[in-house]
Amino acid sequence: MEAIKKLYTKGNYTIQKSVAIEDKLYTELKGMTINKYNAKVSDIINVCIEELIENNDINDIKYYKRPYGEILIYRSIMIRKENLKALEEIKDIKGITITRLINLAIKEFIEKQKIKGS
């Protein structure tokens, strides 16, 4: 990817949204912000969403069921306008809630990072 494509346009502003995120996934993201990346949790979540959108065909996206016993905590996050729009399109096509899509994006991102790290 070209370096210039890593920048966001002014029209792709962030929108505050309250989303139920699995506590285990959020804790792992929080650990990444402390130990590895100079980013906010919302920044990493946006990267997770962008990876889900870019690396998956809509038909390949499957419903992500919450693991048994995992608790959901509502978190206020800042989502990029274009990412939210893409999630809404996937929601309309697949019938999967935005909350489930965000949790799926985070889960896939964390799994990829663990594979790269090992």
PDB file of N, CA and C in Angstrom:
ATOM      1  N   MET A   1       0.840  -1.171   0.000  1.00  0.00           N
ATOM      2  CA  MET A   1       0.000   0.000   0.000  1.00  0.00           C
ATOM      3  C   MET A   1       0.888   1.239   0.000  1.00  0.00           C
ATOM      4  N   GLU A   2       0.506   2.200  -0.797  1.00  0.00           N
ATOM      5  CA  GLU A   2       1.227   3.459  -0.829  1.00  0.00           C
ATOM      6  C   GLU A   2       1.051   4.188   0.504  1.00  0.00           C
ATOM      7  N   ALA A   3       2.074   4.897   0.906  1.00  0.00           N
ATOM      8  CA  ALA A   3       2.029   5.609   2.185  1.00  0.00           C
ATOM      9  C   ALA A   3       0.881   6.602   2.239  1.00  0.00           C
ATOM     10  N   ILE A   4       0.613   7.301   1.142  1.00  0.00           N
ATOM     11  CA  ILE A   4      -0.443   8.318   1.131  1.00  0.00           C
ATOM     12  C   ILE A   4      -1.812   7.706   1.388  1.00  0.00           C
ATOM     13  N   LYS A   5      -2.005   6.438   1.052  1.00  0.00           N
ATOM     14  CA  LYS A   5      -3.296   5.780   1.256  1.00  0.00           C
ATOM     15  C   LYS A   5      -3.545   5.431   2.723  1.00  0.00           C
ATOM     16  N   LYS A   6      -2.524   5.573   3.554  1.00  0.00           N
ATOM     17  CA  LYS A   6      -2.687   5.326   4.988  1.00  0.00           C
ATOM     18  C   LYS A   6      -3.309   6.527   5.693  1.00  0.00           C
ATOM     19  N   LEU A   7      -3.374   7.671   5.006  1.00  0.00           N
ATOM     20  CA  LEU A   7      -3.973   8.866   5.585  1.00  0.00           C
ATOM     21  C   LEU A   7      -5.463   8.890   5.294  1.00  0.00           C
ATOM     22  N   TYR A   8      -6.234   9.482   6.200  1.00  0.00           N
ATOM     23  CA  TYR A   8      -7.677   9.593   6.019  1.00  0.00           C
ATOM     24  C   TYR A   8      -8.019  10.963   5.474  1.00  0.00           C
ATOM     25  N   THR A   9      -9.023  11.019   4.611  1.00  0.00           N
ATOM     26  CA  THR A   9      -9.477  12.305   4.109  1.00  0.00           C
ATOM     27  C   THR A   9     -10.312  12.992   5.181  1.00  0.00           C
ATOM     28  N   LYS A  10     -10.471  14.297   5.055  1.00  0.00           N
ATOM     29  CA  LYS A  10     -11.239  15.050   6.039  1.00  0.00           C
ATOM     30  C   LYS A  10     -12.702  14.593   6.077  1.00  0.00           C
ATOM     31  N   GLY A  11     -13.209  14.114   4.957  1.00  0.00           N
ATOM     32  CA  GLY A  11     -14.596  13.654   4.909  1.00  0.00           C
ATOM     33  C   GLY A  11     -14.818  12.339   5.629  1.00  0.00           C
ATOM     34  N   ASN A  12     -13.740  11.627   5.910  1.00  0.00           N
ATOM     35  CA  ASN A  12     -13.846  10.333   6.606  1.00  0.00           C
ATOM     36  C   ASN A  12     -13.608  10.556   8.100  1.00  0.00           C
ATOM     37  N   TYR A  13     -14.459  11.392   8.679  1.00  0.00           N
ATOM     38  CA  TYR A  13     -14.326  11.735  10.093  1.00  0.00           C
ATOM     39  C   TYR A  13     -14.786  10.567  10.968  1.00  0.00           C
ATOM     40  N   THR A  14     -14.562  10.699  12.260  1.00  0.00           N
ATOM     41  CA  THR A  14     -14.973   9.636  13.180  1.00  0.00           C
ATOM     42  C   THR A  14     -16.327   9.965  13.800  1.00  0.00           C
ATOM     43  N   ILE A  15     -17.059   8.899  14.099  1.00  0.00           N
ATOM     44  CA  ILE A  15     -18.379   9.007  14.701  1.00  0.00           C
ATOM     45  C   ILE A  15     -18.345   8.233  16.011  1.00  0.00           C
ATOM     46  N   GLN A  16     -18.824   8.847  17.064  1.00  0.00           N
ATOM     47  CA  GLN A  16     -18.864   8.150  18.355  1.00  0.00           C
ATOM     48  C   GLN A  16     -20.012   7.158  18.339  1.00  0.00           C
ATOM     49  N   LYS A  17     -19.715   5.916  18.729  1.00  0.00           N
ATOM     50  CA  LYS A  17     -20.723   4.863  18.737  1.00  0.00           C
ATOM     51  C   LYS A  17     -20.505   3.996  19.967  1.00  0.00           C
ATOM     52  N   SER A  18     -21.585   3.613  20.600  1.00  0.00           N
ATOM     53  CA  SER A  18     -21.517   2.712  21.741  1.00  0.00           C
ATOM     54  C   SER A  18     -21.718   1.295  21.226  1.00  0.00           C
ATOM     55  N   VAL A  19     -20.729   0.436  21.461  1.00  0.00           N
ATOM     56  CA  VAL A  19     -20.737  -0.925  20.932  1.00  0.00           C
ATOM     57  C   VAL A  19     -20.416  -1.902  22.051  1.00  0.00           C
ATOM     58  N   ALA A  20     -21.147  -3.018  22.078  1.00  0.00           N
ATOM     59  CA  ALA A  20     -20.873  -4.074  23.059  1.00  0.00           C
ATOM     60  C   ALA A  20     -19.719  -4.920  22.538  1.00  0.00           C
ATOM     61  N   ILE A  21     -18.583  -4.824  23.208  1.00  0.00           N
ATOM     62  CA  ILE A  21     -17.385  -5.564  22.802  1.00  0.00           C
ATOM     63  C   ILE A  21     -17.076  -6.598  23.871  1.00  0.00           C
ATOM     64  N   GLU A  22     -16.709  -7.792  23.409  1.00  0.00           N
ATOM     65  CA  GLU A  22     -16.351  -8.852  24.348  1.00  0.00           C
ATOM     66  C   GLU A  22     -15.184  -8.377  25.208  1.00  0.00           C
ATOM     67  N   ASP A  23     -15.303  -8.600  26.491  1.00  0.00           N
ATOM     68  CA  ASP A  23     -14.292  -8.107  27.430  1.00  0.00           C
ATOM     69  C   ASP A  23     -12.903  -8.671  27.119  1.00  0.00           C
ATOM     70  N   LYS A  24     -12.824  -9.945  26.771  1.00  0.00           N
ATOM     71  CA  LYS A  24     -11.523 -10.558  26.473  1.00  0.00           C
ATOM     72  C   LYS A  24     -10.867  -9.896  25.258  1.00  0.00           C
ATOM     73  N   LEU A  25     -11.658  -9.644  24.214  1.00  0.00           N
ATOM     74  CA  LEU A  25     -11.112  -9.001  23.012  1.00  0.00           C
ATOM     75  C   LEU A  25     -10.649  -7.579  23.329  1.00  0.00           C
ATOM     76  N   TYR A  26     -11.456  -6.842  24.077  1.00  0.00           N
ATOM     77  CA  TYR A  26     -11.099  -5.464  24.423  1.00  0.00           C
ATOM     78  C   TYR A  26      -9.825  -5.434  25.266  1.00  0.00           C
ATOM     79  N   THR A  27      -9.711  -6.375  26.200  1.00  0.00           N
ATOM     80  CA  THR A  27      -8.519  -6.440  27.048  1.00  0.00           C
ATOM     81  C   THR A  27      -7.272  -6.699  26.212  1.00  0.00           C
ATOM     82  N   GLU A  28      -7.393  -7.568  25.201  1.00  0.00           N
ATOM     83  CA  GLU A  28      -6.238  -7.834  24.320  1.00  0.00           C
ATOM     84  C   GLU A  28      -5.875  -6.591  23.518  1.00  0.00           C
ATOM     85  N   LEU A  29      -6.878  -5.876  23.016  1.00  0.00           N
ATOM     86  CA  LEU A  29      -6.599  -4.638  22.282  1.00  0.00           C
ATOM     87  C   LEU A  29      -5.947  -3.603  23.190  1.00  0.00           C
ATOM     88  N   LYS A  30      -6.443  -3.485  24.398  1.00  0.00           N
ATOM     89  CA  LYS A  30      -5.882  -2.537  25.367  1.00  0.00           C
ATOM     90  C   LYS A  30      -4.415  -2.869  25.647  1.00  0.00           C
ATOM     91  N   GLY A  31      -4.122  -4.172  25.751  1.00  0.00           N
ATOM     92  CA  GLY A  31      -2.738  -4.599  25.949  1.00  0.00           C
ATOM     93  C   GLY A  31      -1.851  -4.209  24.779  1.00  0.00           C
ATOM     94  N   MET A  32      -2.397  -4.272  23.556  1.00  0.00           N
ATOM     95  CA  MET A  32      -1.629  -3.873  22.370  1.00  0.00           C
ATOM     96  C   MET A  32      -1.297  -2.393  22.417  1.00  0.00           C
ATOM     97  N   THR A  33      -2.225  -1.573  22.908  1.00  0.00           N
ATOM     98  CA  THR A  33      -1.961  -0.129  22.965  1.00  0.00           C
ATOM     99  C   THR A  33      -0.915   0.193  24.010  1.00  0.00           C
ATOM    100  N   ILE A  34      -0.828  -0.625  25.034  1.00  0.00           N
ATOM    101  CA  ILE A  34       0.151  -0.392  26.097  1.00  0.00           C
ATOM    102  C   ILE A  34       1.519  -0.941  25.704  1.00  0.00           C
ATOM    103  N   ASN A  35       1.544  -2.141  25.144  1.00  0.00           N
ATOM    104  CA  ASN A  35       2.801  -2.851  24.922  1.00  0.00           C
ATOM    105  C   ASN A  35       3.394  -2.727  23.524  1.00  0.00           C
ATOM    106  N   LYS A  36       2.551  -2.487  22.504  1.00  0.00           N
ATOM    107  CA  LYS A  36       3.070  -2.623  21.151  1.00  0.00           C
ATOM    108  C   LYS A  36       2.859  -1.407  20.253  1.00  0.00           C
ATOM    109  N   TYR A  37       1.690  -0.824  20.288  1.00  0.00           N
ATOM    110  CA  TYR A  37       1.357   0.223  19.325  1.00  0.00           C
ATOM    111  C   TYR A  37       1.148   1.576  20.000  1.00  0.00           C
ATOM    112  N   ASN A  38       1.484   2.612  19.282  1.00  0.00           N
ATOM    113  CA  ASN A  38       1.218   3.975  19.728  1.00  0.00           C
ATOM    114  C   ASN A  38      -0.116   4.385  19.107  1.00  0.00           C
ATOM    115  N   ALA A  39      -1.188   3.836  19.661  1.00  0.00           N
ATOM    116  CA  ALA A  39      -2.524   4.073  19.114  1.00  0.00           C
ATOM    117  C   ALA A  39      -3.558   3.929  20.215  1.00  0.00           C
ATOM    118  N   LYS A  40      -4.708   4.520  19.987  1.00  0.00           N
ATOM    119  CA  LYS A  40      -5.841   4.350  20.895  1.00  0.00           C
ATOM    120  C   LYS A  40      -6.564   3.074  20.508  1.00  0.00           C
ATOM    121  N   VAL A  41      -7.353   2.545  21.423  1.00  0.00           N
ATOM    122  CA  VAL A  41      -8.123   1.334  21.132  1.00  0.00           C
ATOM    123  C   VAL A  41      -9.032   1.580  19.928  1.00  0.00           C
ATOM    124  N   SER A  42      -9.646   2.752  19.847  1.00  0.00           N
ATOM    125  CA  SER A  42     -10.514   3.073  18.704  1.00  0.00           C
ATOM    126  C   SER A  42      -9.749   3.029  17.382  1.00  0.00           C
ATOM    127  N   ASP A  43      -8.493   3.478  17.405  1.00  0.00           N
ATOM    128  CA  ASP A  43      -7.671   3.433  16.187  1.00  0.00           C
ATOM    129  C   ASP A  43      -7.455   1.995  15.736  1.00  0.00           C
ATOM    130  N   ILE A  44      -7.153   1.137  16.682  1.00  0.00           N
ATOM    131  CA  ILE A  44      -6.922  -0.273  16.345  1.00  0.00           C
ATOM    132  C   ILE A  44      -8.220  -0.924  15.867  1.00  0.00           C
ATOM    133  N   ILE A  45      -9.342  -0.579  16.490  1.00  0.00           N
ATOM    134  CA  ILE A  45     -10.628  -1.130  16.053  1.00  0.00           C
ATOM    135  C   ILE A  45     -10.921  -0.713  14.614  1.00  0.00           C
ATOM    136  N   ASN A  46     -10.598   0.515  14.255  1.00  0.00           N
ATOM    137  CA  ASN A  46     -10.790   0.943  12.869  1.00  0.00           C
ATOM    138  C   ASN A  46      -9.920   0.151  11.909  1.00  0.00           C
ATOM    139  N   VAL A  47      -8.695  -0.148  12.320  1.00  0.00           N
ATOM    140  CA  VAL A  47      -7.821  -0.987  11.490  1.00  0.00           C
ATOM    141  C   VAL A  47      -8.428  -2.379  11.346  1.00  0.00           C
ATOM    142  N   CYS A  48      -8.961  -2.915  12.444  1.00  0.00           N
ATOM    143  CA  CYS A  48      -9.607  -4.236  12.415  1.00  0.00           C
ATOM    144  C   CYS A  48     -10.762  -4.247  11.415  1.00  0.00           C
ATOM    145  N   ILE A  49     -11.590  -3.204  11.457  1.00  0.00           N
ATOM    146  CA  ILE A  49     -12.732  -3.104  10.547  1.00  0.00           C
ATOM    147  C   ILE A  49     -12.257  -3.002   9.108  1.00  0.00           C
ATOM    148  N   GLU A  50     -11.239  -2.176   8.862  1.00  0.00           N
ATOM    149  CA  GLU A  50     -10.710  -2.018   7.505  1.00  0.00           C
ATOM    150  C   GLU A  50     -10.165  -3.342   6.970  1.00  0.00           C
ATOM    151  N   GLU A  51      -9.491  -4.116   7.832  1.00  0.00           N
ATOM    152  CA  GLU A  51      -8.979  -5.425   7.415  1.00  0.00           C
ATOM    153  C   GLU A  51     -10.126  -6.362   7.059  1.00  0.00           C
ATOM    154  N   LEU A  52     -11.179  -6.362   7.871  1.00  0.00           N
ATOM    155  CA  LEU A  52     -12.338  -7.207   7.597  1.00  0.00           C
ATOM    156  C   LEU A  52     -12.951  -6.855   6.249  1.00  0.00           C
ATOM    157  N   ILE A  53     -13.077  -5.569   5.989  1.00  0.00           N
ATOM    158  CA  ILE A  53     -13.692  -5.098   4.743  1.00  0.00           C
ATOM    159  C   ILE A  53     -12.803  -5.407   3.538  1.00  0.00           C
ATOM    160  N   GLU A  54     -11.504  -5.145   3.657  1.00  0.00           N
ATOM    161  CA  GLU A  54     -10.581  -5.304   2.530  1.00  0.00           C
ATOM    162  C   GLU A  54     -10.249  -6.763   2.230  1.00  0.00           C
ATOM    163  N   ASN A  55     -10.158  -7.595   3.253  1.00  0.00           N
ATOM    164  CA  ASN A  55      -9.643  -8.954   3.073  1.00  0.00           C
ATOM    165  C   ASN A  55     -10.708 -10.031   2.975  1.00  0.00           C
ATOM    166  N   ASN A  56     -11.979  -9.653   2.974  1.00  0.00           N
ATOM    167  CA  ASN A  56     -13.038 -10.647   2.907  1.00  0.00           C
ATOM    168  C   ASN A  56     -14.046 -10.281   1.840  1.00  0.00           C
ATOM    169  N   ASP A  57     -14.490 -11.304   1.120  1.00  0.00           N
ATOM    170  CA  ASP A  57     -15.635 -11.157   0.242  1.00  0.00           C
ATOM    171  C   ASP A  57     -16.858 -11.146   1.161  1.00  0.00           C
ATOM    172  N   ILE A  58     -17.841 -10.337   0.863  1.00  0.00           N
ATOM    173  CA  ILE A  58     -19.029 -10.263   1.728  1.00  0.00           C
ATOM    174  C   ILE A  58     -19.628 -11.651   1.943  1.00  0.00           C
ATOM    175  N   ASN A  59     -19.579 -12.497   0.937  1.00  0.00           N
ATOM    176  CA  ASN A  59     -20.149 -13.844   1.071  1.00  0.00           C
ATOM    177  C   ASN A  59     -19.353 -14.723   2.028  1.00  0.00           C
ATOM    178  N   ASP A  60     -18.092 -14.381   2.284  1.00  0.00           N
ATOM    179  CA  ASP A  60     -17.255 -15.169   3.191  1.00  0.00           C
ATOM    180  C   ASP A  60     -17.439 -14.768   4.651  1.00  0.00           C
ATOM    181  N   ILE A  61     -18.063 -13.635   4.906  1.00  0.00           N
ATOM    182  CA  ILE A  61     -18.240 -13.169   6.275  1.00  0.00           C
ATOM    183  C   ILE A  61     -19.365 -13.975   6.916  1.00  0.00           C
ATOM    184  N   LYS A  62     -19.031 -14.613   8.014  1.00  0.00           N
ATOM    185  CA  LYS A  62     -19.978 -15.478   8.726  1.00  0.00           C
ATOM    186  C   LYS A  62     -20.329 -14.870  10.071  1.00  0.00           C
ATOM    187  N   TYR A  63     -21.478 -15.265  10.579  1.00  0.00           N
ATOM    188  CA  TYR A  63     -21.911 -14.813  11.889  1.00  0.00           C
ATOM    189  C   TYR A  63     -20.904 -15.267  12.938  1.00  0.00           C
ATOM    190  N   TYR A  64     -20.500 -14.358  13.793  1.00  0.00           N
ATOM    191  CA  TYR A  64     -19.551 -14.666  14.859  1.00  0.00           C
ATOM    192  C   TYR A  64     -20.320 -14.785  16.157  1.00  0.00           C
ATOM    193  N   LYS A  65     -20.397 -15.996  16.684  1.00  0.00           N
ATOM    194  CA  LYS A  65     -21.120 -16.244  17.923  1.00  0.00           C
ATOM    195  C   LYS A  65     -20.207 -15.955  19.106  1.00  0.00           C
ATOM    196  N   ARG A  66     -20.763 -15.286  20.077  1.00  0.00           N
ATOM    197  CA  ARG A  66     -20.012 -14.970  21.286  1.00  0.00           C
ATOM    198  C   ARG A  66     -19.667 -16.255  22.031  1.00  0.00           C
ATOM    199  N   PRO A  67     -18.418 -16.400  22.455  1.00  0.00           N
ATOM    200  CA  PRO A  67     -18.037 -17.601  23.222  1.00  0.00           C
ATOM    201  C   PRO A  67     -18.847 -17.707  24.509  1.00  0.00           C
ATOM    202  N   TYR A  68     -19.129 -18.932  24.900  1.00  0.00           N
ATOM    203  CA  TYR A  68     -19.908 -19.190  26.099  1.00  0.00           C
ATOM    204  C   TYR A  68     -19.233 -18.567  27.317  1.00  0.00           C
ATOM    205  N   GLY A  69     -19.997 -17.860  28.112  1.00  0.00           N
ATOM    206  CA  GLY A  69     -19.490 -17.265  29.340  1.00  0.00           C
ATOM    207  C   GLY A  69     -18.783 -15.933  29.163  1.00  0.00           C
ATOM    208  N   GLU A  70     -18.576 -15.509  27.938  1.00  0.00           N
ATOM    209  CA  GLU A  70     -17.896 -14.236  27.685  1.00  0.00           C
ATOM    210  C   GLU A  70     -18.874 -13.088  27.928  1.00  0.00           C
ATOM    211  N   ILE A  71     -18.417 -12.069  28.620  1.00  0.00           N
ATOM    212  CA  ILE A  71     -19.288 -10.937  28.894  1.00  0.00           C
ATOM    213  C   ILE A  71     -19.065  -9.827  27.871  1.00  0.00           C
ATOM    214  N   LEU A  72     -20.133  -9.118  27.593  1.00  0.00           N
ATOM    215  CA  LEU A  72     -20.073  -7.975  26.696  1.00  0.00           C
ATOM    216  C   LEU A  72     -20.160  -6.709  27.531  1.00  0.00           C
ATOM    217  N   ILE A  73     -19.318  -5.758  27.222  1.00  0.00           N
ATOM    218  CA  ILE A  73     -19.345  -4.475  27.906  1.00  0.00           C
ATOM    219  C   ILE A  73     -19.483  -3.392  26.839  1.00  0.00           C
ATOM    220  N   TYR A  74     -20.455  -2.513  27.044  1.00  0.00           N
ATOM    221  CA  TYR A  74     -20.624  -1.416  26.095  1.00  0.00           C
ATOM    222  C   TYR A  74     -19.481  -0.429  26.252  1.00  0.00           C
ATOM    223  N   ARG A  75     -18.847  -0.150  25.137  1.00  0.00           N
ATOM    224  CA  ARG A  75     -17.717   0.782  25.090  1.00  0.00           C
ATOM    225  C   ARG A  75     -18.051   1.876  24.085  1.00  0.00           C
ATOM    226  N   SER A  76     -17.652   3.066  24.397  1.00  0.00           N
ATOM    227  CA  SER A  76     -17.811   4.176  23.469  1.00  0.00           C
ATOM    228  C   SER A  76     -16.548   4.246  22.624  1.00  0.00           C
ATOM    229  N   ILE A  77     -16.702   4.030  21.325  1.00  0.00           N
ATOM    230  CA  ILE A  77     -15.545   4.056  20.429  1.00  0.00           C
ATOM    231  C   ILE A  77     -15.800   5.050  19.301  1.00  0.00           C
ATOM    232  N   MET A  78     -14.722   5.463  18.680  1.00  0.00           N
ATOM    233  CA  MET A  78     -14.791   6.377  17.554  1.00  0.00           C
ATOM    234  C   MET A  78     -14.547   5.567  16.279  1.00  0.00           C
ATOM    235  N   ILE A  79     -15.581   5.456  15.453  1.00  0.00           N
ATOM    236  CA  ILE A  79     -15.490   4.671  14.214  1.00  0.00           C
ATOM    237  C   ILE A  79     -15.467   5.629  13.035  1.00  0.00           C
ATOM    238  N   ARG A  80     -14.602   5.355  12.091  1.00  0.00           N
ATOM    239  CA  ARG A  80     -14.527   6.167  10.876  1.00  0.00           C
ATOM    240  C   ARG A  80     -15.833   6.045  10.096  1.00  0.00           C
ATOM    241  N   LYS A  81     -16.279   7.164   9.547  1.00  0.00           N
ATOM    242  CA  LYS A  81     -17.547   7.228   8.817  1.00  0.00           C
ATOM    243  C   LYS A  81     -17.620   6.174   7.709  1.00  0.00           C
ATOM    244  N   GLU A  82     -16.558   6.042   6.920  1.00  0.00           N
ATOM    245  CA  GLU A  82     -16.563   5.077   5.813  1.00  0.00           C
ATOM    246  C   GLU A  82     -16.591   3.639   6.328  1.00  0.00           C
ATOM    247  N   ASN A  83     -15.949   3.372   7.467  1.00  0.00           N
ATOM    248  CA  ASN A  83     -15.979   2.029   8.044  1.00  0.00           C
ATOM    249  C   ASN A  83     -17.394   1.684   8.516  1.00  0.00           C
ATOM    250  N   LEU A  84     -18.058   2.638   9.153  1.00  0.00           N
ATOM    251  CA  LEU A  84     -19.418   2.414   9.632  1.00  0.00           C
ATOM    252  C   LEU A  84     -20.365   2.194   8.459  1.00  0.00           C
ATOM    253  N   LYS A  85     -20.176   2.961   7.403  1.00  0.00           N
ATOM    254  CA  LYS A  85     -21.012   2.799   6.203  1.00  0.00           C
ATOM    255  C   LYS A  85     -20.828   1.403   5.612  1.00  0.00           C
ATOM    256  N   ALA A  86     -19.590   0.936   5.526  1.00  0.00           N
ATOM    257  CA  ALA A  86     -19.325  -0.399   4.988  1.00  0.00           C
ATOM    258  C   ALA A  86     -19.932  -1.484   5.881  1.00  0.00           C
ATOM    259  N   LEU A  87     -19.837  -1.302   7.208  1.00  0.00           N
ATOM    260  CA  LEU A  87     -20.439  -2.268   8.132  1.00  0.00           C
ATOM    261  C   LEU A  87     -21.961  -2.301   7.979  1.00  0.00           C
ATOM    262  N   GLU A  88     -22.569  -1.139   7.764  1.00  0.00           N
ATOM    263  CA  GLU A  88     -24.018  -1.085   7.576  1.00  0.00           C
ATOM    264  C   GLU A  88     -24.437  -1.798   6.293  1.00  0.00           C
ATOM    265  N   GLU A  89     -23.626  -1.684   5.246  1.00  0.00           N
ATOM    266  CA  GLU A  89     -23.917  -2.395   3.997  1.00  0.00           C
ATOM    267  C   GLU A  89     -23.832  -3.911   4.203  1.00  0.00           C
ATOM    268  N   ILE A  90     -22.807  -4.345   4.923  1.00  0.00           N
ATOM    269  CA  ILE A  90     -22.673  -5.779   5.211  1.00  0.00           C
ATOM    270  C   ILE A  90     -23.851  -6.248   6.060  1.00  0.00           C
ATOM    271  N   LYS A  91     -24.237  -5.436   7.036  1.00  0.00           N
ATOM    272  CA  LYS A  91     -25.379  -5.763   7.897  1.00  0.00           C
ATOM    273  C   LYS A  91     -26.644  -5.952   7.065  1.00  0.00           C
ATOM    274  N   ASP A  92     -26.870  -5.046   6.113  1.00  0.00           N
ATOM    275  CA  ASP A  92     -28.070  -5.125   5.276  1.00  0.00           C
ATOM    276  C   ASP A  92     -28.067  -6.375   4.393  1.00  0.00           C
ATOM    277  N   ILE A  93     -26.903  -6.770   3.922  1.00  0.00           N
ATOM    278  CA  ILE A  93     -26.800  -7.943   3.041  1.00  0.00           C
ATOM    279  C   ILE A  93     -26.837  -9.245   3.832  1.00  0.00           C
ATOM    280  N   LYS A  94     -26.053  -9.303   4.903  1.00  0.00           N
ATOM    281  CA  LYS A  94     -25.877 -10.564   5.650  1.00  0.00           C
ATOM    282  C   LYS A  94     -26.803 -10.701   6.857  1.00  0.00           C
ATOM    283  N   GLY A  95     -27.367  -9.606   7.341  1.00  0.00           N
ATOM    284  CA  GLY A  95     -28.229  -9.667   8.510  1.00  0.00           C
ATOM    285  C   GLY A  95     -27.478  -9.858   9.820  1.00  0.00           C
ATOM    286  N   ILE A  96     -26.205  -9.521   9.824  1.00  0.00           N
ATOM    287  CA  ILE A  96     -25.374  -9.630  11.032  1.00  0.00           C
ATOM    288  C   ILE A  96     -25.253  -8.232  11.627  1.00  0.00           C
ATOM    289  N   THR A  97     -25.466  -8.124  12.931  1.00  0.00           N
ATOM    290  CA  THR A  97     -25.428  -6.809  13.564  1.00  0.00           C
ATOM    291  C   THR A  97     -24.033  -6.191  13.486  1.00  0.00           C
ATOM    292  N   ILE A  98     -24.004  -4.887  13.583  1.00  0.00           N
ATOM    293  CA  ILE A  98     -22.732  -4.165  13.565  1.00  0.00           C
ATOM    294  C   ILE A  98     -21.872  -4.595  14.749  1.00  0.00           C
ATOM    295  N   THR A  99     -22.486  -4.813  15.911  1.00  0.00           N
ATOM    296  CA  THR A  99     -21.744  -5.279  17.086  1.00  0.00           C
ATOM    297  C   THR A  99     -21.037  -6.598  16.797  1.00  0.00           C
ATOM    298  N   ARG A 100     -21.731  -7.545  16.207  1.00  0.00           N
ATOM    299  CA  ARG A 100     -21.130  -8.852  15.895  1.00  0.00           C
ATOM    300  C   ARG A 100     -20.031  -8.693  14.849  1.00  0.00           C
ATOM    301  N   LEU A 101     -20.242  -7.816  13.863  1.00  0.00           N
ATOM    302  CA  LEU A 101     -19.223  -7.594  12.837  1.00  0.00           C
ATOM    303  C   LEU A 101     -17.956  -6.987  13.434  1.00  0.00           C
ATOM    304  N   ILE A 102     -18.123  -6.044  14.352  1.00  0.00           N
ATOM    305  CA  ILE A 102     -16.959  -5.426  14.983  1.00  0.00           C
ATOM    306  C   ILE A 102     -16.213  -6.453  15.832  1.00  0.00           C
ATOM    307  N   ASN A 103     -16.939  -7.259  16.594  1.00  0.00           N
ATOM    308  CA  ASN A 103     -16.285  -8.303  17.393  1.00  0.00           C
ATOM    309  C   ASN A 103     -15.572  -9.309  16.499  1.00  0.00           C
ATOM    310  N   LEU A 104     -16.176  -9.656  15.375  1.00  0.00           N
ATOM    311  CA  LEU A 104     -15.529 -10.564  14.419  1.00  0.00           C
ATOM    312  C   LEU A 104     -14.250  -9.939  13.870  1.00  0.00           C
ATOM    313  N   ALA A 105     -14.315  -8.659  13.508  1.00  0.00           N
ATOM    314  CA  ALA A 105     -13.141  -7.970  12.971  1.00  0.00           C
ATOM    315  C   ALA A 105     -12.007  -7.955  13.991  1.00  0.00           C
ATOM    316  N   ILE A 106     -12.337  -7.677  15.238  1.00  0.00           N
ATOM    317  CA  ILE A 106     -11.324  -7.650  16.292  1.00  0.00           C
ATOM    318  C   ILE A 106     -10.724  -9.039  16.491  1.00  0.00           C
ATOM    319  N   LYS A 107     -11.585 -10.050  16.544  1.00  0.00           N
ATOM    320  CA  LYS A 107     -11.130 -11.426  16.748  1.00  0.00           C
ATOM    321  C   LYS A 107     -10.169 -11.862  15.637  1.00  0.00           C
ATOM    322  N   GLU A 108     -10.552 -11.600  14.378  1.00  0.00           N
ATOM    323  CA  GLU A 108      -9.691 -11.978  13.248  1.00  0.00           C
ATOM    324  C   GLU A 108      -8.366 -11.229  13.287  1.00  0.00           C
ATOM    325  N   PHE A 109      -8.390  -9.957  13.627  1.00  0.00           N
ATOM    326  CA  PHE A 109      -7.167  -9.156  13.709  1.00  0.00           C
ATOM    327  C   PHE A 109      -6.229  -9.716  14.774  1.00  0.00           C
ATOM    328  N   ILE A 110      -6.771 -10.003  15.941  1.00  0.00           N
ATOM    329  CA  ILE A 110      -5.952 -10.531  17.043  1.00  0.00           C
ATOM    330  C   ILE A 110      -5.363 -11.887  16.655  1.00  0.00           C
ATOM    331  N   GLU A 111      -6.159 -12.739  16.026  1.00  0.00           N
ATOM    332  CA  GLU A 111      -5.658 -14.054  15.597  1.00  0.00           C
ATOM    333  C   GLU A 111      -4.515 -13.899  14.598  1.00  0.00           C
ATOM    334  N   LYS A 112      -4.641 -12.972  13.644  1.00  0.00           N
ATOM    335  CA  LYS A 112      -3.574 -12.741  12.665  1.00  0.00           C
ATOM    336  C   LYS A 112      -2.313 -12.224  13.341  1.00  0.00           C
ATOM    337  N   GLN A 113      -2.475 -11.345  14.321  1.00  0.00           N
ATOM    338  CA  GLN A 113      -1.309 -10.812  15.036  1.00  0.00           C
ATOM    339  C   GLN A 113      -0.606 -11.898  15.843  1.00  0.00           C
ATOM    340  N   LYS A 114      -1.363 -12.810  16.420  1.00  0.00           N
ATOM    341  CA  LYS A 114      -0.764 -13.911  17.166  1.00  0.00           C
ATOM    342  C   LYS A 114       0.013 -14.839  16.241  1.00  0.00           C
ATOM    343  N   ILE A 115      -0.525 -15.083  15.039  1.00  0.00           N
ATOM    344  CA  ILE A 115       0.177 -15.936  14.073  1.00  0.00           C
ATOM    345  C   ILE A 115       1.477 -15.276  13.628  1.00  0.00           C
ATOM    346  N   LYS A 116       1.414 -13.976  13.342  1.00  0.00           N
ATOM    347  CA  LYS A 116       2.616 -13.243  12.927  1.00  0.00           C
ATOM    348  C   LYS A 116       3.652 -13.178  14.019  1.00  0.00           C
ATOM    349  N   GLY A 117       3.188 -13.117  15.265  1.00  0.00           N
ATOM    350  CA  GLY A 117       4.100 -12.999  16.403  1.00  0.00           C
ATOM    351  C   GLY A 117       4.785 -14.304  16.772  1.00  0.00           C
ATOM    352  N   SER A 118       4.208 -15.429  16.352  1.00  0.00           N
ATOM    353  CA  SER A 118       4.812 -16.720  16.742  1.00  0.00           C
ATOM    354  C   SER A 118       5.771 -17.260  15.733  1.00  0.00           C
TER     355      SER A 118
END
